[in-house]
Amino acid sequence: MNTISIQKHNVSYNKSRKTFSCEISDLGRNFDIGKNFIRLVNDKTKNFSTFNFDKTDYYGSGEDREIGGWWYKSNDGYKLLIIND
């Protein structure tokens, strides 16, 4: 299971949308975006949430179509967006 640390990986949070977000470049070379589960950990409190893969966002069309990011959802209603920068 991949683990993302809120403090170490520059994770942002949008309270009104209940959405965490970060850029894939902040996660390091060994991070495997294809995994089905991601654990988001708060190193200060040791609390964590587990997110399941939901969908991939694309932008552009045809041959110019590129991945914009990957969405994950938790069982408690939170979302995680990993942006393909």
N, C-alpha and C. Protein backbone atom coordinates (compact mmCIF):
# COMPACT_ATOMS: atom_id res chain seq x y z
N MET A 1 0.85 -1.18 0.00
CA MET A 1 0.00 0.00 0.00
C MET A 1 0.89 1.24 0.00
N ASN A 2 0.58 2.20 -0.86
CA ASN A 2 1.28 3.47 -0.87
C ASN A 2 0.83 4.31 0.31
N THR A 3 1.76 5.08 0.88
CA THR A 3 1.45 5.96 1.99
C THR A 3 1.87 7.37 1.64
N ILE A 4 0.99 8.33 1.90
CA ILE A 4 1.29 9.75 1.70
C ILE A 4 1.25 10.41 3.06
N SER A 5 2.32 11.13 3.41
CA SER A 5 2.37 11.88 4.65
C SER A 5 1.92 13.32 4.38
N ILE A 6 0.95 13.79 5.15
CA ILE A 6 0.45 15.15 4.97
C ILE A 6 1.57 16.17 5.16
N GLN A 7 2.43 15.97 6.15
CA GLN A 7 3.49 16.92 6.44
C GLN A 7 4.65 16.84 5.43
N LYS A 8 5.04 15.65 5.02
CA LYS A 8 6.22 15.48 4.17
C LYS A 8 5.94 15.72 2.69
N HIS A 9 4.71 15.53 2.24
CA HIS A 9 4.42 15.54 0.82
C HIS A 9 3.62 16.74 0.33
N ASN A 10 3.60 17.83 1.08
CA ASN A 10 2.98 19.07 0.62
C ASN A 10 1.52 18.85 0.19
N VAL A 11 0.74 18.28 1.07
CA VAL A 11 -0.68 17.99 0.79
C VAL A 11 -1.53 19.19 1.19
N SER A 12 -2.43 19.60 0.29
CA SER A 12 -3.37 20.68 0.56
C SER A 12 -4.73 20.08 0.92
N TYR A 13 -5.56 20.89 1.60
CA TYR A 13 -6.89 20.42 1.95
C TYR A 13 -7.90 21.50 1.68
N ASN A 14 -9.00 21.17 0.98
CA ASN A 14 -10.12 22.06 0.73
C ASN A 14 -11.29 21.58 1.60
N LYS A 15 -11.54 22.31 2.68
CA LYS A 15 -12.54 21.89 3.67
C LYS A 15 -13.94 21.82 3.08
N SER A 16 -14.34 22.79 2.26
CA SER A 16 -15.70 22.81 1.72
C SER A 16 -15.96 21.64 0.78
N ARG A 17 -14.93 21.15 0.13
CA ARG A 17 -15.07 20.01 -0.79
C ARG A 17 -14.61 18.68 -0.18
N LYS A 18 -14.08 18.75 1.05
CA LYS A 18 -13.56 17.56 1.73
C LYS A 18 -12.55 16.82 0.83
N THR A 19 -11.64 17.64 0.22
CA THR A 19 -10.70 17.09 -0.75
C THR A 19 -9.26 17.43 -0.39
N PHE A 20 -8.42 16.40 -0.31
CA PHE A 20 -6.98 16.55 -0.18
C PHE A 20 -6.40 16.53 -1.59
N SER A 21 -5.30 17.25 -1.80
CA SER A 21 -4.66 17.20 -3.11
C SER A 21 -3.15 17.36 -2.96
N CYS A 22 -2.43 16.79 -3.92
CA CYS A 22 -0.99 16.94 -3.98
C CYS A 22 -0.54 16.65 -5.41
N GLU A 23 0.67 17.05 -5.72
CA GLU A 23 1.23 16.80 -7.04
C GLU A 23 2.05 15.53 -7.01
N ILE A 24 1.98 14.78 -8.08
CA ILE A 24 2.67 13.50 -8.11
C ILE A 24 4.18 13.67 -7.96
N SER A 25 4.71 14.78 -8.44
CA SER A 25 6.16 15.01 -8.34
C SER A 25 6.62 15.14 -6.88
N ASP A 26 5.72 15.51 -5.97
CA ASP A 26 6.06 15.62 -4.56
C ASP A 26 6.12 14.26 -3.85
N LEU A 27 5.64 13.22 -4.50
CA LEU A 27 5.53 11.91 -3.85
C LEU A 27 6.76 11.03 -4.02
N GLY A 28 7.66 11.41 -4.89
CA GLY A 28 8.90 10.64 -5.05
C GLY A 28 8.81 9.61 -6.17
N ARG A 29 9.95 9.12 -6.54
CA ARG A 29 10.07 8.21 -7.68
C ARG A 29 9.45 6.85 -7.44
N ASN A 30 9.43 6.37 -6.24
CA ASN A 30 8.96 5.02 -5.95
C ASN A 30 7.45 4.93 -5.74
N PHE A 31 6.75 6.03 -5.88
CA PHE A 31 5.32 6.03 -5.66
C PHE A 31 4.62 5.42 -6.86
N ASP A 32 3.80 4.41 -6.63
CA ASP A 32 3.12 3.69 -7.71
C ASP A 32 1.67 4.11 -7.77
N ILE A 33 1.33 4.96 -8.74
CA ILE A 33 -0.02 5.49 -8.85
C ILE A 33 -1.03 4.43 -9.23
N GLY A 34 -0.59 3.31 -9.74
CA GLY A 34 -1.50 2.25 -10.17
C GLY A 34 -2.07 1.41 -9.04
N LYS A 35 -1.62 1.62 -7.84
CA LYS A 35 -2.13 0.85 -6.71
C LYS A 35 -3.58 1.19 -6.44
N ASN A 36 -4.34 0.24 -5.93
CA ASN A 36 -5.75 0.45 -5.65
C ASN A 36 -6.00 1.23 -4.37
N PHE A 37 -5.06 1.21 -3.43
CA PHE A 37 -5.26 1.85 -2.13
C PHE A 37 -4.12 2.80 -1.82
N ILE A 38 -4.47 3.91 -1.19
CA ILE A 38 -3.48 4.86 -0.70
C ILE A 38 -3.86 5.21 0.73
N ARG A 39 -2.89 5.23 1.60
CA ARG A 39 -3.12 5.64 2.99
C ARG A 39 -2.56 7.05 3.16
N LEU A 40 -3.40 7.98 3.63
CA LEU A 40 -3.00 9.35 3.91
C LEU A 40 -2.82 9.48 5.41
N VAL A 41 -1.61 9.84 5.83
CA VAL A 41 -1.26 9.83 7.25
C VAL A 41 -0.91 11.24 7.72
N ASN A 42 -1.43 11.59 8.90
CA ASN A 42 -1.02 12.81 9.58
C ASN A 42 0.05 12.40 10.58
N ASP A 43 1.30 12.76 10.31
CA ASP A 43 2.41 12.33 11.17
C ASP A 43 2.34 12.93 12.58
N LYS A 44 1.70 14.08 12.72
CA LYS A 44 1.60 14.70 14.04
C LYS A 44 0.65 13.93 14.95
N THR A 45 -0.52 13.54 14.42
CA THR A 45 -1.54 12.87 15.24
C THR A 45 -1.54 11.35 15.08
N LYS A 46 -0.87 10.87 14.04
CA LYS A 46 -0.83 9.44 13.68
C LYS A 46 -2.18 8.94 13.15
N ASN A 47 -3.13 9.85 12.93
CA ASN A 47 -4.40 9.47 12.31
C ASN A 47 -4.19 9.22 10.83
N PHE A 48 -5.00 8.36 10.25
CA PHE A 48 -4.88 8.09 8.83
C PHE A 48 -6.24 7.73 8.24
N SER A 49 -6.34 7.88 6.93
CA SER A 49 -7.51 7.45 6.17
C SER A 49 -7.01 6.64 4.99
N THR A 50 -7.78 5.65 4.61
CA THR A 50 -7.44 4.83 3.46
C THR A 50 -8.36 5.22 2.31
N PHE A 51 -7.76 5.45 1.15
CA PHE A 51 -8.49 5.88 -0.04
C PHE A 51 -8.42 4.80 -1.11
N ASN A 52 -9.54 4.58 -1.78
CA ASN A 52 -9.62 3.61 -2.87
C ASN A 52 -9.64 4.37 -4.20
N PHE A 53 -8.99 3.80 -5.22
CA PHE A 53 -8.98 4.43 -6.53
C PHE A 53 -10.39 4.60 -7.05
N ASP A 54 -10.69 5.79 -7.62
CA ASP A 54 -12.02 6.08 -8.16
C ASP A 54 -11.96 6.26 -9.68
N LYS A 55 -11.16 7.21 -10.16
CA LYS A 55 -11.13 7.47 -11.61
C LYS A 55 -9.90 8.27 -12.00
N THR A 56 -9.65 8.32 -13.29
CA THR A 56 -8.58 9.13 -13.87
C THR A 56 -9.19 10.28 -14.63
N ASP A 57 -8.69 11.50 -14.41
CA ASP A 57 -9.13 12.67 -15.17
C ASP A 57 -8.21 12.88 -16.36
N TYR A 58 -8.80 13.23 -17.50
CA TYR A 58 -8.04 13.52 -18.71
C TYR A 58 -8.37 14.92 -19.18
N TYR A 59 -7.44 15.52 -19.89
CA TYR A 59 -7.74 16.78 -20.59
C TYR A 59 -7.19 16.68 -21.99
N GLY A 60 -7.75 17.48 -22.89
CA GLY A 60 -7.40 17.38 -24.30
C GLY A 60 -8.23 16.31 -24.96
N SER A 61 -7.97 16.10 -26.24
CA SER A 61 -8.69 15.07 -26.97
C SER A 61 -7.79 14.46 -28.05
N GLY A 62 -8.23 13.33 -28.55
CA GLY A 62 -7.48 12.64 -29.60
C GLY A 62 -6.07 12.32 -29.17
N GLU A 63 -5.12 12.56 -30.06
CA GLU A 63 -3.71 12.26 -29.77
C GLU A 63 -3.13 13.18 -28.70
N ASP A 64 -3.77 14.34 -28.48
CA ASP A 64 -3.29 15.29 -27.49
C ASP A 64 -3.84 15.04 -26.08
N ARG A 65 -4.61 13.99 -25.92
CA ARG A 65 -5.22 13.67 -24.62
C ARG A 65 -4.13 13.28 -23.63
N GLU A 66 -4.18 13.89 -22.45
CA GLU A 66 -3.20 13.61 -21.39
C GLU A 66 -3.91 13.40 -20.07
N ILE A 67 -3.24 12.69 -19.19
CA ILE A 67 -3.79 12.47 -17.84
C ILE A 67 -3.60 13.74 -17.02
N GLY A 68 -4.70 14.23 -16.46
CA GLY A 68 -4.65 15.41 -15.60
C GLY A 68 -4.46 15.06 -14.14
N GLY A 69 -4.98 13.90 -13.72
CA GLY A 69 -4.85 13.50 -12.33
C GLY A 69 -5.63 12.23 -12.03
N TRP A 70 -5.47 11.76 -10.81
CA TRP A 70 -6.12 10.52 -10.36
C TRP A 70 -6.92 10.83 -9.10
N TRP A 71 -8.16 10.35 -9.06
CA TRP A 71 -9.05 10.56 -7.92
C TRP A 71 -9.17 9.29 -7.09
N TYR A 72 -9.17 9.49 -5.78
CA TYR A 72 -9.38 8.41 -4.81
C TYR A 72 -10.46 8.87 -3.84
N LYS A 73 -11.21 7.92 -3.28
CA LYS A 73 -12.24 8.21 -2.29
C LYS A 73 -12.04 7.36 -1.05
N SER A 74 -12.39 7.95 0.11
CA SER A 74 -12.36 7.19 1.36
C SER A 74 -13.78 6.77 1.72
N ASN A 75 -13.89 5.82 2.61
CA ASN A 75 -15.22 5.36 3.05
C ASN A 75 -15.93 6.40 3.89
N ASP A 76 -15.18 7.37 4.44
CA ASP A 76 -15.82 8.39 5.29
C ASP A 76 -16.08 9.70 4.53
N GLY A 77 -16.10 9.65 3.19
CA GLY A 77 -16.54 10.78 2.40
C GLY A 77 -15.49 11.77 1.96
N TYR A 78 -14.23 11.50 2.22
CA TYR A 78 -13.16 12.38 1.77
C TYR A 78 -12.65 11.96 0.41
N LYS A 79 -12.07 12.94 -0.31
CA LYS A 79 -11.51 12.66 -1.64
C LYS A 79 -10.03 13.05 -1.63
N LEU A 80 -9.28 12.41 -2.50
CA LEU A 80 -7.86 12.69 -2.68
C LEU A 80 -7.60 12.81 -4.18
N LEU A 81 -7.01 13.93 -4.57
CA LEU A 81 -6.64 14.16 -5.96
C LEU A 81 -5.12 14.20 -6.06
N ILE A 82 -4.56 13.34 -6.88
CA ILE A 82 -3.12 13.39 -7.18
C ILE A 82 -2.99 13.98 -8.56
N ILE A 83 -2.38 15.16 -8.62
CA ILE A 83 -2.29 15.93 -9.86
C ILE A 83 -1.06 15.49 -10.65
N ASN A 84 -1.26 15.24 -11.93
CA ASN A 84 -0.17 14.87 -12.81
C ASN A 84 0.49 16.15 -13.31
N ASP A 85 1.52 16.56 -12.62
CA ASP A 85 2.21 17.80 -13.01
C ASP A 85 3.35 17.44 -13.89
